[in-house]
């Protein structure tokens, strides 16, 4: 690597050819001018070449955020769970690329970043969702920083709207019983799905991806091994969220009996109308393909109206399961294992709304114990 020197008017400049950009394939050069003498240019050029060879030089590259995003996406797809990658790409394509994709990567500053956030606020997006978008943008620019494309992450010092700790809407035991009784009367197929979700705390993708081979009737256990999600109208079976998501869940006799009934009905239906493709799914369409989550949510919402119980999300059956267990004073470690959380801390933080009642009972028990000791 060497420099090429040129005099323009009264000042000197140098140009160093540093090879092709691995992302764009374009020729890369470093040019700098304004030197009074050729020796000054040669000295600065030598310093640059030395820094570049040591890996400390930041090279200005004529590349837009959208262009560099392709490189980032290719790397992300190798690291992320498919469903997570798909959701993140939706955020990039919907909110990030349309607004800032045309700006040169090197020219994007913290002022651009703050203006980007202000634009999101004007769209009246929720503070939590804006924080999520900013987190992904920060990850993208951190990747650019590590790749020596920029010298500073422009999202490191931005001001984001204050987010509130999320609270979940859950049913009481009585409300859950009312809902399940109504579902059992009106739709046995979806009733089995609802009772499974409510009695295990499984995620909806895990429920829809459950196979009969993962149901152990004899030992009354369910193995959670895969999930299903839809991408561009096509379903995809995928690995679970984390290593802790692969788990064994103990189930009760009521659920076991209902699953056996459900399997018998499924076998009878297949004799009348065989599956086009058999994925061994516990819940599926008449042709054997997985149920679509939106169809399940639609049925769930209609059943809520029939049951005349407070409206919650389908995913809140998972939160209802955990909340009921914790209110029953079940060991948080057991609840965490059933949910597939990475740590007990995650479980306690998510369901901290249950803790005040638990603390009150603990104080009452401690007080009773101490009073009995001193009164004896």
Protein backbone atom coordinates (compact mmCIF):
# COMPACT_ATOMS: atom_id res chain seq x y z
CA UNK A 1 0.00 0.00 0.00
CA UNK A 2 1.39 3.39 -1.00
CA UNK A 3 0.21 6.95 -1.51
CA UNK A 4 -0.09 8.98 -4.67
CA UNK A 5 0.70 12.68 -4.33
CA UNK A 6 -0.59 15.61 -6.33
CA UNK A 7 -0.20 19.35 -6.22
CA UNK A 8 -3.24 21.51 -6.84
CA UNK A 9 -2.42 25.18 -6.94
CA UNK A 10 -0.29 25.86 -3.87
CA UNK A 11 -1.31 22.81 -1.78
CA UNK A 12 -0.54 19.11 -1.89
CA UNK A 13 -2.85 16.13 -1.45
CA UNK A 14 -2.47 12.38 -1.32
CA UNK A 15 -4.61 9.40 -2.28
CA UNK A 16 -4.24 5.87 -0.94
CA UNK A 17 -5.89 2.91 -2.67
CA UNK A 18 -7.14 0.62 0.09
CA UNK A 19 -8.79 -2.11 -1.96
CA UNK A 20 -12.43 -2.98 -2.63
CA UNK A 21 -15.28 -2.64 -0.19
CA UNK A 22 -16.33 -6.24 0.68
CA UNK A 23 -19.95 -5.13 0.87
CA UNK A 24 -20.39 -3.07 -2.31
CA UNK A 25 -17.46 -4.27 -4.39
CA UNK A 26 -16.56 -0.65 -5.11
CA UNK A 27 -12.98 0.62 -5.14
CA UNK A 28 -12.06 2.33 -1.86
CA UNK A 29 -9.69 5.27 -1.59
CA UNK A 30 -8.56 7.64 1.13
CA UNK A 31 -7.89 11.17 -0.09
CA UNK A 32 -6.74 14.13 1.96
CA UNK A 33 -5.45 17.52 0.90
CA UNK A 34 -4.54 21.00 2.10
CA UNK A 35 -0.83 20.37 2.83
CA UNK A 36 1.62 23.25 2.28
CA UNK A 37 4.49 20.97 1.23
CA UNK A 38 4.87 17.53 -0.28
CA UNK A 39 6.76 16.41 2.84
CA UNK A 40 3.78 17.30 5.03
CA UNK A 41 1.53 15.24 2.77
CA UNK A 42 3.99 12.33 2.80
CA UNK A 43 4.22 12.45 6.61
CA UNK A 44 0.42 12.40 7.07
CA UNK A 45 0.07 9.68 4.44
CA UNK A 46 2.59 7.49 6.24
CA UNK A 47 0.72 7.95 9.53
CA UNK A 48 -2.53 6.98 7.87
CA UNK A 49 -1.08 3.85 6.27
CA UNK A 50 0.42 2.82 9.61
CA UNK A 51 -2.90 3.30 11.40
CA UNK A 52 -4.78 1.48 8.68
CA UNK A 53 -2.46 -1.50 8.83
CA UNK A 54 -2.93 -1.64 12.62
CA UNK A 55 -6.70 -1.65 12.14
CA UNK A 56 -7.30 1.69 13.84
CA UNK A 57 -8.16 3.84 10.82
CA UNK A 58 -11.78 4.67 10.20
CA UNK A 59 -12.39 4.69 6.47
CA UNK A 60 -14.94 7.04 5.01
CA UNK A 61 -17.19 4.95 2.79
CA UNK A 62 -19.73 6.32 0.39
CA UNK A 63 -22.54 3.99 1.44
CA UNK A 64 -26.09 4.66 2.57
CA UNK A 65 -27.80 3.20 5.61
CA UNK A 66 -30.07 1.17 3.34
CA UNK A 67 -27.09 -0.31 1.48
CA UNK A 68 -25.27 -1.24 4.66
CA UNK A 69 -28.51 -2.67 6.05
CA UNK A 70 -28.20 -5.54 3.54
CA UNK A 71 -24.90 -6.55 5.12
CA UNK A 72 -26.37 -6.28 8.61
CA UNK A 73 -29.42 -8.36 7.66
CA UNK A 74 -27.27 -11.13 6.21
CA UNK A 75 -25.35 -11.40 9.49
CA UNK A 76 -28.48 -11.18 11.64
CA UNK A 77 -30.22 -13.98 9.79
CA UNK A 78 -27.42 -16.35 10.80
CA UNK A 79 -27.70 -15.47 14.51
CA UNK A 80 -31.40 -14.97 15.23
CA UNK A 81 -34.30 -17.36 15.59
CA UNK A 82 -36.27 -17.21 12.29
CA UNK A 83 -39.42 -15.75 13.85
CA UNK A 84 -37.39 -13.12 15.76
CA UNK A 85 -35.45 -12.23 12.61
CA UNK A 86 -38.68 -11.86 10.63
CA UNK A 87 -40.23 -9.56 13.25
CA UNK A 88 -37.10 -7.41 13.45
CA UNK A 89 -36.88 -7.08 9.67
CA UNK A 90 -40.49 -5.88 9.65
CA UNK A 91 -39.48 -3.06 12.01
CA UNK A 92 -36.47 -2.12 9.86
CA UNK A 93 -38.48 -2.17 6.61
CA UNK A 94 -41.50 -0.37 8.04
CA UNK A 95 -39.98 2.30 10.27
CA UNK A 96 -36.21 2.62 9.87
CA UNK A 97 -35.31 2.26 6.19
CA UNK A 98 -38.14 4.46 4.83
CA UNK A 99 -37.16 7.36 7.13
CA UNK A 100 -33.37 7.26 7.25
CA UNK A 101 -32.29 4.67 4.69
CA UNK A 102 -31.28 7.31 2.11
CA UNK A 103 -28.79 9.04 4.45
CA UNK A 104 -25.09 8.24 4.12
CA UNK A 105 -24.00 6.00 6.98
CA UNK A 106 -21.00 8.21 7.83
CA UNK A 107 -23.13 11.37 7.78
CA UNK A 108 -25.83 10.17 10.17
CA UNK A 109 -25.44 12.02 13.48
CA UNK A 110 -27.12 12.01 16.88
CA UNK A 111 -29.18 14.97 15.67
CA UNK A 112 -30.56 12.80 12.85
CA UNK A 113 -31.27 10.09 15.42
CA UNK A 114 -33.18 12.47 17.68
CA UNK A 115 -35.19 13.82 14.75
CA UNK A 116 -36.00 10.23 13.78
CA UNK A 117 -37.41 9.62 17.27
CA UNK A 118 -39.42 12.83 17.12
CA UNK A 119 -40.97 11.64 13.85
CA UNK A 120 -42.00 8.39 15.51
CA UNK A 121 -43.63 10.37 18.31
CA UNK A 122 -45.63 12.32 15.75
CA UNK A 123 -46.97 9.00 14.45
CA UNK A 124 -48.45 8.47 17.94
CA UNK A 125 -46.73 5.13 18.40
CA UNK A 126 -46.60 3.83 21.94
CA UNK A 127 -43.50 4.72 24.02
CA UNK A 128 -42.76 1.00 24.43
CA UNK A 129 -42.82 0.40 20.67
CA UNK A 130 -40.68 3.48 19.99
CA UNK A 131 -38.16 2.21 22.54
CA UNK A 132 -38.14 -1.13 20.70
CA UNK A 133 -37.50 0.57 17.35
CA UNK A 134 -34.67 2.62 18.87
CA UNK A 135 -33.13 -0.46 20.44
CA UNK A 136 -32.97 -2.16 17.02
CA UNK A 137 -31.54 1.00 15.44
CA UNK A 138 -28.92 1.14 18.19
CA UNK A 139 -27.98 -2.50 17.49
CA UNK A 140 -27.64 -1.73 13.78
CA UNK A 141 -25.33 1.25 14.35
CA UNK A 142 -23.34 -0.68 16.95
CA UNK A 143 -22.72 -3.27 14.24
CA UNK A 144 -21.54 -0.48 11.92
CA UNK A 145 -19.27 0.82 14.68
CA UNK A 146 -17.65 -2.59 15.22
CA UNK A 147 -17.20 -2.90 11.46
CA UNK A 148 -15.23 0.38 11.46
CA UNK A 149 -17.84 2.09 9.30
CA UNK A 150 -18.52 4.87 11.82
CA UNK A 151 -16.65 6.36 14.79
CA UNK A 152 -19.61 6.71 17.17
CA UNK A 153 -23.07 5.21 17.64
CA UNK A 154 -25.52 8.10 16.99
CA UNK A 155 -28.23 6.41 19.06
CA UNK A 156 -26.10 6.18 22.21
CA UNK A 157 -27.22 9.54 23.65
CA UNK A 158 -30.73 10.05 22.26
CA UNK A 159 -33.69 10.91 24.46
CA UNK A 160 -36.51 8.38 24.20
CA UNK A 161 -40.01 8.68 25.68
CA UNK A 162 -40.46 7.34 29.19
CA UNK A 163 -41.88 3.83 29.17
CA UNK A 164 -44.09 2.36 31.83
CA UNK A 165 -43.65 -1.09 33.26
CA UNK A 166 -46.07 -3.29 31.40
CA UNK A 167 -49.00 -4.72 33.32
CA UNK A 168 -50.93 -7.73 32.10
CA UNK A 169 -54.66 -8.29 32.11
CA UNK A 170 -55.44 -11.67 33.61
CA UNK A 171 -58.51 -13.57 34.70
CA UNK A 172 -59.38 -14.75 38.16
CA UNK A 173 -59.95 -18.46 38.72
CA UNK A 174 -63.72 -17.91 38.52
CA UNK A 175 -63.47 -15.95 35.25
CA UNK A 176 -61.23 -18.60 33.71
CA UNK A 177 -63.66 -21.34 34.74
CA UNK A 178 -66.56 -19.40 33.21
CA UNK A 179 -64.71 -18.93 29.94
CA UNK A 180 -63.66 -22.59 29.68
CA UNK A 181 -67.18 -23.80 30.49
CA UNK A 182 -68.57 -21.63 27.71
CA UNK A 183 -65.93 -22.80 25.23
CA UNK A 184 -66.59 -26.43 26.12
CA UNK A 185 -70.27 -25.95 25.31
CA UNK A 186 -69.80 -24.12 22.01
CA UNK A 187 -66.57 -25.43 20.40
CA UNK A 188 -64.84 -28.59 21.62
CA UNK A 189 -61.90 -28.19 19.21
CA UNK A 190 -60.90 -24.74 20.42
CA UNK A 191 -61.87 -25.62 23.99
CA UNK A 192 -59.07 -28.19 24.03
CA UNK A 193 -56.63 -25.57 22.79
CA UNK A 194 -57.76 -23.02 25.39
CA UNK A 195 -57.61 -25.43 28.31
CA UNK A 196 -54.15 -26.57 27.21
CA UNK A 197 -52.89 -22.97 27.10
CA UNK A 198 -54.54 -22.11 30.44
CA UNK A 199 -53.33 -25.25 32.25
CA UNK A 200 -49.72 -25.16 30.97
CA UNK A 201 -48.79 -21.51 30.32
CA UNK A 202 -47.43 -22.41 26.88
CA UNK A 203 -46.97 -19.69 24.26
CA UNK A 204 -49.46 -19.73 21.39
CA UNK A 205 -46.73 -20.66 18.88
CA UNK A 206 -45.73 -23.59 21.13
CA UNK A 207 -49.35 -24.73 21.41
CA UNK A 208 -49.87 -24.64 17.64
CA UNK A 209 -46.57 -26.46 17.08
CA UNK A 210 -47.28 -29.23 19.63
CA UNK A 211 -47.15 -32.77 18.20
CA UNK A 212 -48.75 -35.92 19.53
CA UNK A 213 -45.34 -37.52 19.92
CA UNK A 214 -44.60 -34.78 22.51
CA UNK A 215 -47.62 -35.75 24.66
CA UNK A 216 -46.89 -38.47 27.22
CA UNK A 217 -50.31 -39.65 28.41
CA UNK A 218 -48.92 -42.33 30.72
CA UNK A 219 -46.63 -40.02 32.69
CA UNK A 220 -48.89 -36.98 32.22
CA UNK A 221 -46.22 -34.77 30.70
CA UNK A 222 -45.86 -32.55 27.66
CA UNK A 223 -42.51 -31.88 25.98
CA UNK A 224 -42.22 -28.44 24.42
CA UNK A 225 -39.84 -28.83 21.49
CA UNK A 226 -40.91 -26.55 18.66
CA UNK A 227 -42.97 -23.55 17.69
CA UNK A 228 -44.82 -22.48 14.57
CA UNK A 229 -45.25 -19.01 13.08
CA UNK A 230 -46.46 -17.59 9.78
CA UNK A 231 -44.22 -15.71 7.35
CA UNK A 232 -45.73 -14.23 4.23
CA UNK A 233 -48.76 -16.52 4.45
CA UNK A 234 -46.63 -19.64 4.84
CA UNK A 235 -46.16 -21.45 8.14
CA UNK A 236 -42.69 -22.20 9.45
CA UNK A 237 -41.70 -24.65 12.19
CA UNK A 238 -38.87 -23.22 14.24
CA UNK A 239 -36.75 -23.76 17.32
CA UNK A 240 -37.92 -22.22 20.56
CA UNK A 241 -37.12 -18.78 21.95
CA UNK A 242 -34.26 -19.82 24.27
CA UNK A 243 -32.64 -23.01 25.52
CA UNK A 244 -34.87 -22.81 28.61
CA UNK A 245 -37.93 -22.85 26.36
CA UNK A 246 -37.23 -26.52 25.64
CA UNK A 247 -38.94 -28.00 28.67
CA UNK A 248 -41.11 -30.72 30.17
CA UNK A 249 -44.45 -29.64 31.66
CA UNK A 250 -46.48 -31.78 34.05
CA UNK A 251 -50.22 -31.78 33.25
CA UNK A 252 -53.31 -32.68 35.29
CA UNK A 253 -55.87 -35.46 34.79
CA UNK A 254 -58.53 -33.08 33.43
CA UNK A 255 -56.25 -31.96 30.61
CA UNK A 256 -55.09 -35.51 29.89
CA UNK A 257 -58.68 -36.74 29.52
CA UNK A 258 -59.57 -33.85 27.23
CA UNK A 259 -56.52 -34.43 25.04
CA UNK A 260 -57.45 -38.12 24.70
CA UNK A 261 -60.97 -37.15 23.62
CA UNK A 262 -59.53 -34.63 21.18
CA UNK A 263 -57.22 -37.25 19.68
CA UNK A 264 -60.08 -39.71 19.25
CA UNK A 265 -62.15 -37.10 17.40
CA UNK A 266 -59.16 -36.22 15.24
CA UNK A 267 -58.65 -39.87 14.27
CA UNK A 268 -62.36 -40.21 13.38
CA UNK A 269 -62.14 -37.10 11.24
CA UNK A 270 -59.08 -38.40 9.40
CA UNK A 271 -60.86 -41.65 8.56
CA UNK A 272 -63.60 -39.64 6.89
CA UNK A 273 -61.24 -37.11 5.29
CA UNK A 274 -57.50 -38.01 5.33
CA UNK A 275 -54.89 -35.29 5.83
CA UNK A 276 -53.12 -33.93 2.76
CA UNK A 277 -49.94 -33.79 4.85
CA UNK A 278 -49.51 -35.21 8.35
CA UNK A 279 -47.34 -33.09 10.65
CA UNK A 280 -48.49 -35.05 13.72
CA UNK A 281 -49.99 -31.84 15.13
CA UNK A 282 -52.33 -31.82 18.11
CA UNK A 283 -54.17 -28.80 16.63
CA UNK A 284 -54.52 -28.48 12.89
CA UNK A 285 -56.89 -27.78 10.03
CA UNK A 286 -58.84 -30.49 8.25
CA UNK A 287 -56.00 -30.88 5.73
CA UNK A 288 -53.40 -31.37 8.47
CA UNK A 289 -51.76 -27.95 8.16
CA UNK A 290 -51.20 -25.83 11.30
CA UNK A 291 -53.93 -23.51 12.52
CA UNK A 292 -53.34 -19.84 11.81
CA UNK A 293 -52.83 -17.77 15.01
CA UNK A 294 -55.24 -15.10 13.75
CA UNK A 295 -58.01 -17.68 13.34
CA UNK A 296 -57.42 -18.83 16.92
CA UNK A 297 -57.42 -15.25 18.22
CA UNK A 298 -60.65 -14.51 16.37
CA UNK A 299 -62.37 -17.52 17.92
CA UNK A 300 -60.96 -16.58 21.33
CA UNK A 301 -62.34 -13.04 21.14
CA UNK A 302 -65.79 -14.27 20.07
CA UNK A 303 -65.82 -16.76 22.94
CA UNK A 304 -65.01 -13.96 25.40
CA UNK A 305 -68.15 -12.16 24.29
CA UNK A 306 -70.21 -15.34 24.73
CA UNK A 307 -68.76 -15.97 28.19
CA UNK A 308 -69.23 -12.33 29.22
CA UNK A 309 -65.81 -12.14 30.90
CA UNK A 310 -63.31 -9.24 30.77
CA UNK A 311 -61.45 -8.94 27.47
CA UNK A 312 -57.86 -10.17 27.49
CA UNK A 313 -55.44 -11.27 24.79
CA UNK A 314 -55.00 -14.92 23.86
CA UNK A 315 -51.40 -14.69 25.12
CA UNK A 316 -52.77 -13.55 28.49
CA UNK A 317 -53.88 -17.13 29.18
CA UNK A 318 -50.17 -17.72 29.78
CA UNK A 319 -50.04 -14.81 32.21
CA UNK A 320 -53.25 -16.00 33.88
CA UNK A 321 -51.68 -19.44 34.43
CA UNK A 322 -48.57 -17.94 36.04
CA UNK A 323 -50.49 -15.44 38.16
CA UNK A 324 -52.85 -18.09 39.57
CA UNK A 325 -49.92 -20.34 40.49
CA UNK A 326 -48.06 -17.54 42.23
CA UNK A 327 -51.18 -16.48 44.14
CA UNK A 328 -51.47 -20.10 45.27
CA UNK A 329 -47.96 -19.62 46.73
CA UNK A 330 -46.35 -22.01 44.27
CA UNK A 331 -42.55 -21.89 44.26
CA UNK A 332 -41.49 -19.23 41.69
CA UNK A 333 -38.78 -21.62 40.47
CA UNK A 334 -41.46 -24.12 39.43
CA UNK A 335 -43.51 -21.40 37.72
CA UNK A 336 -40.38 -20.20 35.90
CA UNK A 337 -39.66 -23.73 34.64
CA UNK A 338 -43.22 -24.21 33.42
CA UNK A 339 -43.10 -20.94 31.49
CA UNK A 340 -39.64 -21.61 30.05
CA UNK A 341 -38.15 -18.39 31.44
CA UNK A 342 -34.38 -18.01 31.45
CA UNK A 343 -34.26 -17.15 35.16
CA UNK A 344 -36.52 -16.93 38.20
CA UNK A 345 -35.70 -13.21 38.30
CA UNK A 346 -37.41 -12.84 34.91
CA UNK A 347 -40.53 -14.52 36.29
CA UNK A 348 -40.67 -12.42 39.46
CA UNK A 349 -40.05 -9.23 37.52
CA UNK A 350 -42.81 -10.04 35.02
CA UNK A 351 -45.34 -10.90 37.71
CA UNK A 352 -44.32 -8.40 40.36
CA UNK A 353 -47.97 -7.34 40.65
CA UNK A 354 -48.58 -10.59 42.55
CA UNK A 355 -45.79 -9.97 45.09
CA UNK A 356 -47.50 -7.37 47.35
CA UNK A 357 -50.18 -9.88 48.40
CA UNK A 358 -47.50 -12.50 48.98
CA UNK A 359 -45.51 -10.07 51.15
CA UNK A 360 -48.55 -9.20 53.24
CA UNK A 361 -49.15 -12.87 53.99
CA UNK A 362 -45.46 -13.39 54.80
CA UNK A 363 -45.53 -10.46 57.26
CA UNK A 364 -48.70 -11.82 58.84
CA UNK A 365 -47.16 -15.29 59.29
CA UNK A 366 -43.98 -13.80 60.75
CA UNK A 367 -45.98 -11.64 63.16
CA UNK A 368 -48.11 -14.61 64.31
CA UNK A 369 -45.00 -16.68 64.91
CA UNK A 370 -43.29 -13.98 66.96
CA UNK A 371 -46.39 -13.24 69.00
CA UNK A 372 -46.86 -16.91 69.85
CA UNK A 373 -43.25 -17.13 70.98
CA UNK A 374 -43.39 -14.13 73.31
CA UNK A 375 -46.83 -14.94 74.70
CA UNK A 376 -45.85 -18.47 75.67
